[in-house]
Amino acid sequence: KTSSSQNEVHLGIFILDWFVSLLLHKINISSLSESSLSDEVQQNDVKAGDELWYVTDNRKIDSERVKATIVKIHEDDYPNLYFTVEIGDKVKQTVSSRLKRNQYSQNHEKTRPIAPTNKVALRIEESMINKIVKPYFKSENNLLNETAADCLNIVVSRCGLMGNVGIGTIRHDTFKLLSSIETEIHGLAETMSVDNIDTLSSYLKRISLSLGYGMYTSSSKNNTRILSFNCDSLMSSLLSLFDRDEASSFLNGNEESSLNLALSMWLTISSPVALNERNAGKIWSLADDTISGVVTENCYDNHAYWLTILVHLLESTDNATSLLPTRIKAVTIASEQSLASNLIKVFVNCKDQELKSSDRGK
């Protein structure tokens, strides 16, 4: 596609988002069913004897859940707690992220969310999913698949995917699309090579846009909660990937900094729900490496664009970290300072670019 056609598509998405916003407000989280809000288990609330639901495969959005009884609470890795649970005739150890309060997730076909009373919302949801998202979400053309993902953000944030449930419905098909992309990312994280950079970048962009990043649509902070999407598992896979020594080279000067951009988007949208005491240091370090790989190698031309990317990333991770105990600062401070320094560099470059453009115009 030419640059002209790309601009036309991007403008079209922007206008579509604007038109839908005139008809529908963003979904109010407080209007969701109580079961969806109370599904998560906080480790400090767990007591011996509690009966909860164990997620058998935390890599799937809609994994089967089996009843689990808390036998013992372990504190030898405090403040990180883990638990011995009894599942049928078996006993195993697990952490709170694998335990839920409800038998079915908000994504499950047996869980019926509050149906929207606005028939317009249902018509918009059906039309956009069937005519844009499903046909193009898995396209090999990045312009098309990213457009579909951005449109999915509109549907989730303003319609909520709260129509009919069950196999063959729009809700089921949409979760199937997201689950397939998530599975692909897990697989790439285990077998990553330089040949897979573009593929991983494309998947990360799509899932970040779907979860509300908002490249050409208005961003949404609630999509992960509306979808009950578990970012923890995906974050863990990516942190493990970039813990490997050879992975650092993936962030230095790759074509058009595609992986750096995709990771920045993912960290921005997932940090508010996935950053915790155990992984805060690694997330900040990855964010720092991601941006440093762009700034140090000077792999960007549009300084204002990357300034916006960096501001959103820094704001998101900082807000998530502010909710943690102050002692975590000792682990994250070096990366925070480095990110702030890079922000200043990009800002200065942005101003220099403006001055040069101004001089050429005289």
Protein backbone atom coordinates (compact mmCIF):
# COMPACT_ATOMS: atom_id res chain seq x y z
CA LYS A 1 0.00 0.00 0.00
CA THR A 2 1.14 3.53 -0.72
CA SER A 3 1.59 6.14 1.96
CA SER A 4 -1.45 7.94 0.56
CA SER A 5 -3.74 4.91 0.95
CA GLN A 6 -2.41 4.29 4.48
CA ASN A 7 -3.29 7.83 5.44
CA GLU A 8 -6.76 7.38 4.00
CA VAL A 9 -7.32 4.21 6.02
CA HIS A 10 -6.03 5.83 9.22
CA LEU A 11 -8.26 8.85 8.66
CA GLY A 12 -11.19 6.52 8.02
CA ILE A 13 -10.65 4.74 11.36
CA PHE A 14 -10.42 8.07 13.16
CA ILE A 15 -13.69 9.27 11.62
CA LEU A 16 -15.43 5.95 12.32
CA ASP A 17 -14.39 6.15 15.97
CA TRP A 18 -15.70 9.71 16.13
CA PHE A 19 -19.06 8.77 14.63
CA VAL A 20 -19.50 5.84 17.03
CA SER A 21 -18.58 8.11 19.97
CA LEU A 22 -21.52 10.35 19.03
CA LEU A 23 -23.85 7.39 19.49
CA LEU A 24 -22.25 5.46 22.36
CA HIS A 25 -20.29 6.42 25.46
CA LYS A 26 -17.42 4.26 26.72
CA ILE A 27 -18.54 1.22 28.74
CA ASN A 28 -18.83 2.03 32.44
CA ILE A 29 -16.96 -0.66 34.39
CA SER A 30 -19.32 -0.29 37.36
CA SER A 31 -22.18 -1.44 35.13
CA LEU A 32 -20.64 -4.88 34.62
CA SER A 33 -21.99 -7.83 36.56
CA GLU A 34 -20.74 -8.23 40.10
CA SER A 35 -19.38 -11.70 39.31
CA SER A 36 -16.95 -10.33 36.72
CA LEU A 37 -15.60 -7.72 39.15
CA SER A 38 -15.13 -10.18 42.02
CA ASP A 39 -13.50 -12.98 40.03
CA GLU A 40 -9.89 -12.08 40.88
CA VAL A 41 -8.31 -13.48 44.05
CA GLN A 42 -5.99 -11.30 46.13
CA GLN A 43 -3.30 -13.38 47.84
CA ASN A 44 -3.71 -11.67 51.22
CA ASP A 45 -7.44 -12.47 51.28
CA VAL A 46 -6.97 -16.23 50.95
CA LYS A 47 -7.57 -18.37 54.05
CA ALA A 48 -7.05 -22.05 54.75
CA GLY A 49 -10.22 -23.95 53.95
CA ASP A 50 -11.37 -21.54 51.24
CA GLU A 51 -12.94 -23.16 48.20
CA LEU A 52 -11.90 -21.46 44.96
CA TRP A 53 -11.56 -22.33 41.28
CA TYR A 54 -8.18 -23.33 39.82
CA VAL A 55 -7.35 -22.27 36.24
CA THR A 56 -5.97 -25.38 34.55
CA ASP A 57 -4.19 -23.50 31.73
CA ASN A 58 -3.45 -19.83 32.36
CA ARG A 59 -2.22 -19.42 28.77
CA LYS A 60 -5.79 -19.62 27.48
CA ILE A 61 -8.28 -16.78 27.81
CA ASP A 62 -11.12 -19.20 28.60
CA SER A 63 -9.40 -22.12 30.32
CA GLU A 64 -11.32 -24.77 32.23
CA ARG A 65 -11.58 -24.19 35.98
CA VAL A 66 -11.74 -26.92 38.62
CA LYS A 67 -12.69 -26.63 42.27
CA ALA A 68 -9.73 -26.26 44.64
CA THR A 69 -9.60 -26.19 48.43
CA ILE A 70 -6.85 -24.20 50.16
CA VAL A 71 -4.89 -26.59 52.37
CA LYS A 72 -1.95 -24.40 53.40
CA ILE A 73 -0.65 -20.85 52.91
CA HIS A 74 3.13 -20.58 52.40
CA GLU A 75 5.00 -17.43 53.49
CA ASP A 76 8.64 -18.47 53.02
CA ASP A 77 8.90 -16.22 49.92
CA TYR A 78 7.13 -13.29 51.59
CA PRO A 79 5.72 -10.88 50.44
CA ASN A 80 4.94 -13.36 47.64
CA LEU A 81 2.53 -15.99 48.94
CA TYR A 82 1.79 -19.35 47.39
CA PHE A 83 -0.66 -22.06 48.33
CA THR A 84 -1.05 -25.80 48.65
CA VAL A 85 -4.43 -26.73 47.19
CA GLU A 86 -6.42 -29.93 47.04
CA ILE A 87 -8.02 -30.65 43.66
CA GLY A 88 -10.03 -33.84 43.77
CA ASP A 89 -7.64 -36.52 45.02
CA LYS A 90 -4.55 -34.51 44.04
CA VAL A 91 -2.52 -31.92 45.96
CA LYS A 92 -0.41 -29.25 44.28
CA GLN A 93 1.06 -25.81 44.84
CA THR A 94 -0.02 -22.67 43.04
CA VAL A 95 -0.21 -18.86 43.24
CA SER A 96 -3.17 -16.50 43.52
CA SER A 97 -3.18 -15.61 39.81
CA ARG A 98 -4.24 -19.22 39.05
CA LEU A 99 -7.13 -19.04 41.53
CA LYS A 100 -10.51 -17.47 40.75
CA ARG A 101 -13.75 -16.96 42.67
CA ASN A 102 -16.11 -18.07 39.88
CA GLN A 103 -16.40 -21.34 38.00
CA TYR A 104 -16.60 -19.57 34.65
CA SER A 105 -14.77 -16.51 33.37
CA GLN A 106 -16.59 -13.55 31.87
CA ASN A 107 -15.53 -14.97 28.49
CA HIS A 108 -17.19 -18.35 28.94
CA GLU A 109 -20.27 -19.16 26.93
CA LYS A 110 -22.09 -20.17 30.13
CA THR A 111 -21.53 -16.74 31.63
CA ARG A 112 -24.13 -14.31 30.40
CA PRO A 113 -23.14 -10.68 30.90
CA ILE A 114 -25.59 -7.85 31.24
CA ALA A 115 -27.00 -7.36 27.74
CA PRO A 116 -26.92 -3.77 26.53
CA THR A 117 -30.36 -2.22 26.16
CA ASN A 118 -29.10 -0.03 23.31
CA LYS A 119 -30.04 -1.80 20.07
CA VAL A 120 -27.74 0.57 18.19
CA ALA A 121 -24.80 -0.84 20.14
CA LEU A 122 -25.71 -4.38 19.12
CA ARG A 123 -26.03 -3.40 15.45
CA ILE A 124 -22.68 -1.56 15.47
CA GLU A 125 -21.02 -4.48 17.25
CA GLU A 126 -22.34 -7.03 14.75
CA SER A 127 -21.53 -4.92 11.70
CA MET A 128 -17.96 -4.00 12.70
CA ILE A 129 -17.03 -7.49 13.87
CA ASN A 130 -18.45 -9.25 10.80
CA LYS A 131 -17.34 -6.75 8.16
CA ILE A 132 -13.98 -5.52 9.50
CA VAL A 133 -12.60 -7.48 12.45
CA LYS A 134 -13.20 -11.11 11.43
CA PRO A 135 -12.21 -10.70 7.76
CA TYR A 136 -8.98 -8.78 8.39
CA PHE A 137 -7.76 -9.42 11.96
CA LYS A 138 -5.54 -12.33 10.83
CA SER A 139 -4.58 -10.82 7.47
CA GLU A 140 -0.88 -10.89 6.56
CA ASN A 141 -1.19 -7.23 5.53
CA ASN A 142 -0.28 -5.17 8.61
CA LEU A 143 -2.32 -2.19 7.50
CA LEU A 144 -5.43 -4.38 7.37
CA ASN A 145 -4.86 -6.42 10.53
CA GLU A 146 -3.98 -3.34 12.62
CA THR A 147 -7.07 -1.57 11.27
CA ALA A 148 -9.17 -4.54 12.36
CA ALA A 149 -7.57 -4.51 15.83
CA ASP A 150 -8.15 -0.76 16.22
CA CYS A 151 -11.79 -1.29 15.23
CA LEU A 152 -12.07 -4.08 17.79
CA ASN A 153 -11.04 -1.51 20.39
CA ILE A 154 -14.04 0.60 19.35
CA VAL A 155 -16.38 -2.37 19.70
CA VAL A 156 -15.05 -3.50 23.08
CA SER A 157 -14.82 -0.05 24.66
CA ARG A 158 -18.21 1.23 23.43
CA CYS A 159 -20.33 -1.90 22.83
CA GLY A 160 -18.73 -4.32 25.30
CA LEU A 161 -19.28 -7.58 23.34
CA MET A 162 -22.34 -8.11 25.52
CA GLY A 163 -24.69 -9.63 23.01
CA ASN A 164 -25.49 -13.34 22.73
CA VAL A 165 -23.03 -15.89 24.04
CA GLY A 166 -22.14 -19.40 22.91
CA ILE A 167 -20.36 -21.08 20.01
CA GLY A 168 -20.83 -19.28 16.73
CA THR A 169 -21.75 -15.93 18.27
CA ILE A 170 -19.85 -12.69 17.73
CA ARG A 171 -18.58 -12.81 21.30
CA HIS A 172 -17.27 -16.35 20.96
CA ASP A 173 -15.63 -15.71 17.58
CA THR A 174 -13.92 -12.55 18.86
CA PHE A 175 -12.44 -14.29 21.88
CA LYS A 176 -11.29 -17.07 19.59
CA LEU A 177 -9.38 -14.52 17.49
CA LEU A 178 -7.70 -13.01 20.56
CA SER A 179 -6.89 -16.42 21.98
CA SER A 180 -5.24 -17.53 18.72
CA ILE A 181 -2.99 -14.45 18.68
CA GLU A 182 -2.11 -14.95 22.35
CA THR A 183 -1.16 -18.58 21.67
CA GLU A 184 1.06 -17.52 18.75
CA ILE A 185 2.91 -15.02 20.97
CA HIS A 186 3.53 -17.67 23.63
CA GLY A 187 4.94 -19.96 20.98
CA LEU A 188 7.22 -17.28 19.52
CA ALA A 189 8.47 -16.34 22.99
CA GLU A 190 9.73 -19.90 23.44
CA THR A 191 11.43 -20.24 20.03
CA MET A 192 12.27 -16.62 19.19
CA SER A 193 14.90 -15.81 16.58
CA VAL A 194 15.80 -12.74 14.55
CA ASP A 195 13.70 -14.16 11.69
CA ASN A 196 10.56 -13.86 13.82
CA ILE A 197 10.88 -10.19 14.83
CA ASP A 198 8.33 -8.88 12.34
CA THR A 199 5.86 -11.63 13.18
CA LEU A 200 6.09 -11.07 16.93
CA SER A 201 5.82 -7.31 16.38
CA SER A 202 2.65 -7.73 14.35
CA TYR A 203 1.00 -9.98 16.96
CA LEU A 204 1.92 -7.67 19.84
CA LYS A 205 0.57 -4.61 18.02
CA ARG A 206 -2.72 -6.36 17.27
CA ILE A 207 -3.31 -7.55 20.81
CA SER A 208 -2.32 -4.14 22.26
CA LEU A 209 -4.64 -2.28 19.90
CA SER A 210 -7.48 -4.69 20.70
CA LEU A 211 -6.94 -4.15 24.42
CA GLY A 212 -7.32 -0.41 24.03
CA TYR A 213 -4.00 1.18 23.07
CA GLY A 214 -5.73 3.35 20.50
CA MET A 215 -3.37 4.20 17.66
CA TYR A 216 -6.01 5.92 15.49
CA THR A 217 -8.95 5.47 17.87
CA SER A 218 -9.44 6.83 21.36
CA SER A 219 -7.59 4.73 23.93
CA SER A 220 -9.44 2.70 26.56
CA LYS A 221 -8.11 1.72 29.96
CA ASN A 222 -10.98 -0.69 30.61
CA ASN A 223 -10.74 -3.18 27.74
CA THR A 224 -8.68 -5.73 29.66
CA ARG A 225 -11.32 -5.72 32.39
CA ILE A 226 -14.29 -5.74 30.03
CA LEU A 227 -12.75 -8.75 28.25
CA SER A 228 -11.46 -10.31 31.49
CA PHE A 229 -8.21 -10.72 29.59
CA ASN A 230 -5.38 -12.15 31.69
CA CYS A 231 -2.24 -10.16 30.83
CA ASP A 232 -0.15 -11.91 33.50
CA SER A 233 0.62 -15.03 31.49
CA LEU A 234 1.60 -13.14 28.34
CA MET A 235 3.71 -10.69 30.33
CA SER A 236 5.51 -13.59 32.01
CA SER A 237 6.34 -15.19 28.63
CA LEU A 238 7.71 -11.93 27.23
CA LEU A 239 9.78 -11.18 30.34
CA SER A 240 11.25 -14.68 30.14
CA LEU A 241 12.07 -14.14 26.48
CA PHE A 242 13.93 -10.89 27.05
CA ASP A 243 15.74 -12.32 30.07
CA ARG A 244 17.79 -14.33 27.59
CA ASP A 245 21.14 -12.77 26.64
CA GLU A 246 20.63 -13.04 22.89
CA ALA A 247 17.23 -11.34 23.06
CA SER A 248 18.71 -7.90 23.75
CA SER A 249 19.92 -7.74 20.13
CA PHE A 250 16.30 -7.94 18.95
CA LEU A 251 15.74 -4.40 20.27
CA ASN A 252 18.74 -2.77 18.62
CA GLY A 253 18.12 -1.32 15.21
CA ASN A 254 15.51 -3.76 13.92
CA GLU A 255 13.74 -2.62 10.77
CA GLU A 256 11.71 0.52 11.48
CA SER A 257 12.04 -0.32 15.19
CA SER A 258 8.89 -2.43 14.78
CA LEU A 259 9.53 -4.63 17.81
CA ASN A 260 10.41 -1.62 19.98
CA LEU A 261 7.15 0.04 19.03
CA ALA A 262 5.11 -3.13 19.58
CA LEU A 263 6.67 -3.75 23.02
CA SER A 264 6.11 -0.13 24.02
CA MET A 265 2.44 -0.51 23.12
CA TRP A 266 2.13 -3.80 25.01
CA LEU A 267 3.86 -2.53 28.15
CA THR A 268 1.71 0.62 28.12
CA ILE A 269 -1.58 -1.25 27.92
CA SER A 270 -0.69 -4.21 30.16
CA SER A 271 1.32 -2.62 32.99
CA PRO A 272 -1.76 -1.25 34.82
CA VAL A 273 -3.06 -4.80 35.30
CA ALA A 274 0.09 -6.97 35.14
CA LEU A 275 2.80 -4.99 36.96
CA ASN A 276 3.31 -6.23 40.53
CA GLU A 277 5.96 -6.48 43.25
CA ARG A 278 7.55 -9.56 41.68
CA ASN A 279 7.94 -8.30 38.14
CA ALA A 280 8.16 -4.49 38.52
CA GLY A 281 11.94 -4.45 38.16
CA LYS A 282 11.88 -6.61 35.03
CA ILE A 283 9.07 -4.62 33.41
CA TRP A 284 10.87 -1.31 34.00
CA SER A 285 14.11 -2.81 32.71
CA LEU A 286 12.41 -4.09 29.56
CA ALA A 287 10.74 -0.70 29.03
CA ASP A 288 14.13 0.98 29.37
CA ASP A 289 15.81 -1.45 26.94
CA THR A 290 12.96 -1.01 24.47
CA ILE A 291 13.27 2.77 24.33
CA SER A 292 17.06 2.86 24.64
CA GLY A 293 17.30 0.59 21.60
CA VAL A 294 15.51 3.24 19.57
CA VAL A 295 17.14 6.38 21.00
CA THR A 296 20.71 5.06 21.15
CA GLU A 297 20.63 3.71 17.60
CA ASN A 298 18.71 6.81 16.41
CA CYS A 299 16.32 4.49 14.56
CA TYR A 300 13.46 6.95 14.27
CA ASP A 301 12.61 9.87 12.02
CA ASN A 302 9.32 11.08 13.48
CA HIS A 303 10.50 12.51 16.79
CA ALA A 304 7.07 13.81 17.83
CA TYR A 305 5.56 10.36 17.26
CA TRP A 306 8.11 8.61 19.46
CA LEU A 307 7.80 11.35 22.07
CA THR A 308 4.12 10.48 22.39
CA ILE A 309 4.88 6.75 22.57
CA LEU A 310 7.44 7.33 25.31
CA VAL A 311 5.22 9.64 27.36
CA HIS A 312 2.39 7.08 27.33
CA LEU A 313 4.76 4.26 28.32
CA LEU A 314 6.35 6.23 31.15
CA GLU A 315 2.99 7.42 32.47
CA SER A 316 1.46 3.93 32.42
CA THR A 317 4.34 2.15 34.18
CA ASP A 318 4.78 4.97 36.69
CA ASN A 319 1.09 4.98 37.63
CA ALA A 320 1.11 1.20 38.06
CA THR A 321 4.26 1.34 40.21
CA SER A 322 2.83 4.09 42.42
CA LEU A 323 0.29 1.56 43.74
CA LEU A 324 3.08 -0.70 45.05
CA PRO A 325 5.04 -0.36 48.32
CA THR A 326 7.65 2.41 48.21
CA ARG A 327 10.50 -0.10 48.68
CA ILE A 328 9.95 -1.21 45.08
CA LYS A 329 11.50 2.10 43.99
CA ALA A 330 14.91 0.72 44.93
CA VAL A 331 14.46 -1.91 42.20
CA THR A 332 13.03 0.35 39.51
CA ILE A 333 14.73 3.72 40.07
CA ALA A 334 17.67 3.18 37.68
CA SER A 335 15.37 2.24 34.78
CA GLU A 336 12.99 5.09 35.62
CA GLN A 337 15.83 7.60 35.48
CA SER A 338 17.10 6.16 32.20
CA LEU A 339 13.63 6.37 30.65
CA ALA A 340 13.26 9.96 31.82
CA SER A 341 16.64 10.78 30.31
CA ASN A 342 15.60 9.28 26.98
CA LEU A 343 12.37 11.25 27.14
CA ILE A 344 14.39 14.46 27.39
CA LYS A 345 16.61 13.39 24.45
CA VAL A 346 13.61 12.70 22.23
CA PHE A 347 12.00 15.99 23.29
CA VAL A 348 15.16 17.93 22.37
CA ASN A 349 15.39 16.12 19.04
CA CYS A 350 11.74 16.89 18.44
CA LYS A 351 12.32 20.62 19.02
CA ASP A 352 15.41 20.55 16.77
CA GLN A 353 13.33 18.91 14.03
CA GLU A 354 10.69 21.65 14.36
CA LEU A 355 13.34 24.38 14.12
CA LYS A 356 14.92 22.83 11.02
CA SER A 357 11.51 22.50 9.38
CA SER A 358 10.78 26.12 10.25
CA ASP A 359 14.10 27.27 8.74
CA ARG A 360 13.42 25.37 5.51
CA GLY A 361 10.03 27.03 5.27
CA LYS A 362 11.48 30.54 5.34
